[in-house]
């Protein structure tokens, strides 16, 4: 994955964190297990928005 160009990777972690901070939808942009882990670890809450 790290050998792919940014435009080939799809959405970035930075974009997901920004969406969480801004209160925008983000769970549909990541695999379900990732969304679950972000919630379980309180990452969304720490970023300021729990959607």
N, C-alpha and C. Protein backbone atom coordinates (compact mmCIF):
# COMPACT_ATOMS: atom_id res chain seq x y z
N UNK A 1 0.83 -1.19 0.00
CA UNK A 1 0.00 0.00 0.00
C UNK A 1 0.86 1.25 0.00
N UNK A 2 1.95 1.25 0.73
CA UNK A 2 2.80 2.43 0.82
C UNK A 2 3.53 2.72 -0.48
N UNK A 3 3.53 1.74 -1.40
CA UNK A 3 4.19 1.96 -2.68
C UNK A 3 3.27 2.60 -3.70
N UNK A 4 2.01 2.74 -3.36
CA UNK A 4 1.06 3.37 -4.27
C UNK A 4 1.14 4.88 -4.15
N UNK A 5 0.85 5.53 -5.26
CA UNK A 5 0.78 6.99 -5.25
C UNK A 5 -0.44 7.41 -4.44
N UNK A 6 -0.38 8.60 -3.80
CA UNK A 6 -1.51 9.05 -2.97
C UNK A 6 -2.87 8.98 -3.67
N UNK A 7 -2.92 9.32 -4.94
CA UNK A 7 -4.20 9.31 -5.64
C UNK A 7 -4.72 7.89 -5.88
N UNK A 8 -3.84 6.88 -5.77
CA UNK A 8 -4.25 5.49 -5.94
C UNK A 8 -4.73 4.86 -4.63
N UNK A 9 -4.40 5.47 -3.51
CA UNK A 9 -4.73 4.90 -2.20
C UNK A 9 -6.17 5.15 -1.78
N UNK A 10 -6.79 6.17 -2.33
CA UNK A 10 -8.13 6.53 -1.87
C UNK A 10 -8.03 7.58 -0.79
N UNK A 11 -8.86 7.49 0.21
CA UNK A 11 -8.89 8.50 1.26
C UNK A 11 -7.73 8.30 2.24
N UNK A 12 -7.26 9.38 2.80
CA UNK A 12 -6.13 9.31 3.73
C UNK A 12 -6.60 9.38 5.18
N UNK A 13 -5.74 8.97 6.08
CA UNK A 13 -6.02 9.09 7.51
C UNK A 13 -6.24 10.53 7.90
N UNK A 14 -5.48 11.41 7.28
CA UNK A 14 -5.64 12.84 7.56
C UNK A 14 -7.04 13.31 7.20
N UNK A 15 -7.55 12.84 6.07
CA UNK A 15 -8.90 13.23 5.65
C UNK A 15 -9.96 12.67 6.59
N UNK A 16 -9.74 11.46 7.09
CA UNK A 16 -10.68 10.86 8.04
C UNK A 16 -10.68 11.66 9.34
N UNK A 17 -9.49 11.97 9.87
CA UNK A 17 -9.41 12.76 11.10
C UNK A 17 -10.06 14.12 10.93
N UNK A 18 -9.85 14.74 9.79
CA UNK A 18 -10.46 16.04 9.52
C UNK A 18 -11.99 15.92 9.49
N UNK A 19 -12.50 14.87 8.86
CA UNK A 19 -13.95 14.67 8.82
C UNK A 19 -14.51 14.50 10.23
N UNK A 20 -13.81 13.74 11.07
CA UNK A 20 -14.27 13.54 12.45
C UNK A 20 -14.28 14.88 13.18
N UNK A 21 -13.21 15.63 13.07
CA UNK A 21 -13.12 16.94 13.75
C UNK A 21 -14.22 17.89 13.32
N UNK A 22 -14.56 17.86 12.04
CA UNK A 22 -15.55 18.79 11.50
C UNK A 22 -16.98 18.29 11.66
N UNK A 23 -17.13 17.09 12.22
CA UNK A 23 -18.46 16.55 12.42
C UNK A 23 -19.09 15.96 11.18
N UNK A 24 -18.28 15.69 10.17
CA UNK A 24 -18.78 15.11 8.93
C UNK A 24 -18.81 13.58 9.03
N UNK A 25 -19.58 12.97 8.16
CA UNK A 25 -19.65 11.51 8.12
C UNK A 25 -18.26 10.95 7.79
N UNK A 26 -17.88 9.91 8.49
CA UNK A 26 -16.58 9.28 8.22
C UNK A 26 -16.63 7.76 8.27
N UNK A 27 -17.60 7.22 8.98
CA UNK A 27 -17.66 5.76 9.16
C UNK A 27 -17.86 5.01 7.85
N UNK A 28 -18.54 5.65 6.89
CA UNK A 28 -18.77 4.99 5.61
C UNK A 28 -17.53 5.03 4.71
N UNK A 29 -16.50 5.72 5.16
CA UNK A 29 -15.27 5.87 4.37
C UNK A 29 -14.15 4.93 4.82
N UNK A 30 -14.42 4.18 5.89
CA UNK A 30 -13.43 3.23 6.41
C UNK A 30 -14.08 1.86 6.55
N UNK A 31 -13.29 0.79 6.59
CA UNK A 31 -13.87 -0.53 6.80
C UNK A 31 -14.55 -0.60 8.18
N UNK A 32 -15.64 -1.36 8.30
CA UNK A 32 -16.35 -1.45 9.57
C UNK A 32 -15.45 -1.76 10.78
N UNK A 33 -14.50 -2.68 10.67
CA UNK A 33 -13.64 -2.93 11.85
C UNK A 33 -12.83 -1.71 12.27
N UNK A 34 -12.45 -0.88 11.32
CA UNK A 34 -11.70 0.33 11.64
C UNK A 34 -12.60 1.31 12.38
N UNK A 35 -13.82 1.49 11.90
CA UNK A 35 -14.77 2.39 12.58
C UNK A 35 -15.03 1.91 14.01
N UNK A 36 -15.18 0.60 14.18
CA UNK A 36 -15.41 0.05 15.52
C UNK A 36 -14.22 0.32 16.43
N UNK A 37 -13.02 0.13 15.92
CA UNK A 37 -11.82 0.36 16.73
C UNK A 37 -11.66 1.83 17.09
N UNK A 38 -11.94 2.71 16.14
CA UNK A 38 -11.85 4.15 16.41
C UNK A 38 -12.81 4.52 17.54
N UNK A 39 -14.01 3.94 17.50
CA UNK A 39 -14.98 4.21 18.56
C UNK A 39 -14.54 3.59 19.89
N UNK A 40 -14.10 2.34 19.87
CA UNK A 40 -13.70 1.64 21.09
C UNK A 40 -12.55 2.33 21.80
N UNK A 41 -11.61 2.84 21.03
CA UNK A 41 -10.43 3.49 21.61
C UNK A 41 -10.68 4.95 21.96
N UNK A 42 -11.86 5.46 21.63
CA UNK A 42 -12.20 6.84 21.95
C UNK A 42 -11.52 7.87 21.07
N UNK A 43 -11.03 7.42 19.93
CA UNK A 43 -10.30 8.33 19.04
C UNK A 43 -11.23 9.42 18.51
N UNK A 44 -12.44 9.04 18.10
CA UNK A 44 -13.38 10.04 17.58
C UNK A 44 -13.70 11.07 18.65
N UNK A 45 -13.91 10.61 19.87
CA UNK A 45 -14.22 11.52 20.97
C UNK A 45 -13.05 12.47 21.22
N UNK A 46 -11.84 11.93 21.21
CA UNK A 46 -10.66 12.78 21.45
C UNK A 46 -10.44 13.77 20.33
N UNK A 47 -10.86 13.45 19.15
CA UNK A 47 -10.73 14.39 18.04
C UNK A 47 -11.82 15.47 18.07
N UNK A 48 -12.77 15.31 18.98
CA UNK A 48 -13.74 16.38 19.19
C UNK A 48 -15.12 16.14 18.64
N UNK A 49 -15.32 15.03 17.99
CA UNK A 49 -16.65 14.80 17.43
C UNK A 49 -16.87 13.31 17.39
N UNK A 50 -17.97 12.85 17.95
CA UNK A 50 -18.30 11.42 17.93
C UNK A 50 -19.51 11.21 17.05
N UNK A 51 -19.28 10.85 15.80
CA UNK A 51 -20.36 10.62 14.83
C UNK A 51 -20.54 9.17 14.60
